[in-house]
């Protein structure tokens, strides 16, 4: 069975990292940070939007700023089909 990460990359997903700054209700003058990383579709980011929807609905920390970065780790031009497969004992 193929690796899950390789399969989602072939489907167009790229590694997405979001730095989330938020305020705790107990200490509103302090900013906390949370790093979220998952494979997501650029530029719509449906998984990140679902996570942020969960955050705003269920967590008390008020969002302050979200910085998003993404990188496609695998692309067709970087892959070459091997003509032979050799095994050494």
Protein backbone atom coordinates (compact mmCIF):
# COMPACT_ATOMS: atom_id res chain seq x y z
CA UNK A 1 0.00 0.00 0.00
CA UNK A 2 1.31 3.44 -0.91
CA UNK A 3 2.25 5.99 1.70
CA UNK A 4 -0.64 8.32 2.69
CA UNK A 5 1.54 11.43 2.42
CA UNK A 6 2.61 10.61 -1.14
CA UNK A 7 -0.99 9.89 -2.18
CA UNK A 8 -2.36 13.20 -0.94
CA UNK A 9 0.48 15.08 -2.63
CA UNK A 10 -0.38 13.43 -5.95
CA UNK A 11 -3.97 14.62 -5.45
CA UNK A 12 -2.78 18.25 -5.35
CA UNK A 13 -2.38 18.76 -1.61
CA UNK A 14 0.63 20.69 -0.33
CA UNK A 15 2.17 20.91 3.12
CA UNK A 16 0.49 23.85 4.87
CA UNK A 17 1.71 25.46 8.07
CA UNK A 18 -0.29 28.05 9.98
CA UNK A 19 1.03 30.12 12.86
CA UNK A 20 -1.99 31.07 14.96
CA UNK A 21 -1.69 33.91 17.46
CA UNK A 22 -4.51 34.07 20.00
CA UNK A 23 -5.45 35.67 23.30
CA UNK A 24 -6.46 33.71 26.38
CA UNK A 25 -9.54 35.02 28.22
CA UNK A 26 -7.63 35.02 31.56
CA UNK A 27 -4.75 37.17 30.22
CA UNK A 28 -6.02 39.29 27.28
CA UNK A 29 -2.84 41.38 27.13
CA UNK A 30 -0.67 38.32 26.31
CA UNK A 31 -0.48 36.59 22.93
CA UNK A 32 -0.08 32.82 22.74
CA UNK A 33 1.04 30.93 19.64
CA UNK A 34 -0.08 27.63 18.15
CA UNK A 35 1.46 25.94 15.09
CA UNK A 36 -0.88 23.88 12.89
CA UNK A 37 0.51 21.72 10.08
CA UNK A 38 -1.37 19.46 7.67
CA UNK A 39 -1.67 18.68 3.97
CA UNK A 40 -4.21 21.06 2.45
CA UNK A 41 -5.35 22.38 -0.93
CA UNK A 42 -3.88 25.75 -1.93
CA UNK A 43 -5.40 28.43 -2.21
CA UNK A 44 -8.78 27.45 -0.68
CA UNK A 45 -7.39 25.66 2.42
CA UNK A 46 -10.55 23.66 3.33
CA UNK A 47 -8.86 21.75 6.19
CA UNK A 48 -7.44 24.91 7.74
CA UNK A 49 -10.82 26.64 7.48
CA UNK A 50 -12.49 23.65 9.15
CA UNK A 51 -9.92 23.74 11.96
CA UNK A 52 -10.39 27.47 12.48
CA UNK A 53 -14.16 26.99 12.47
CA UNK A 54 -13.78 24.37 15.20
CA UNK A 55 -11.47 26.74 17.11
CA UNK A 56 -13.90 29.66 17.09
CA UNK A 57 -16.89 27.45 17.96
CA UNK A 58 -15.32 25.39 20.77
CA UNK A 59 -12.26 27.14 22.22
CA UNK A 60 -12.09 30.26 24.37
CA UNK A 61 -8.90 31.74 22.89
CA UNK A 62 -9.83 34.68 20.62
CA UNK A 63 -7.91 34.61 17.34
CA UNK A 64 -5.56 37.54 16.77
CA UNK A 65 -3.55 36.73 13.63
CA UNK A 66 -3.02 33.73 11.35
CA UNK A 67 0.03 33.43 9.09
CA UNK A 68 -0.14 30.70 6.44
CA UNK A 69 2.67 29.16 4.41
CA UNK A 70 2.54 26.23 2.01
CA UNK A 71 4.98 24.21 -0.05
CA UNK A 72 4.30 21.54 -2.66
CA UNK A 73 6.80 18.84 -1.77
CA UNK A 74 6.19 16.58 -4.74
CA UNK A 75 5.55 17.57 -8.32
CA UNK A 76 5.51 15.64 -11.61
CA UNK A 77 8.67 17.32 -12.88
CA UNK A 78 10.61 16.00 -9.86
CA UNK A 79 9.60 12.38 -10.45
CA UNK A 80 11.25 10.07 -12.94
CA UNK A 81 10.01 6.56 -13.70
CA UNK A 82 12.74 3.96 -13.23
CA UNK A 83 13.33 1.58 -16.15
CA UNK A 84 14.50 -1.22 -13.85
CA UNK A 85 14.35 -2.32 -10.25
CA UNK A 86 17.39 -4.03 -8.70
CA UNK A 87 17.55 -5.79 -5.33
CA UNK A 88 20.78 -6.58 -3.49
CA UNK A 89 21.01 -9.18 -0.78
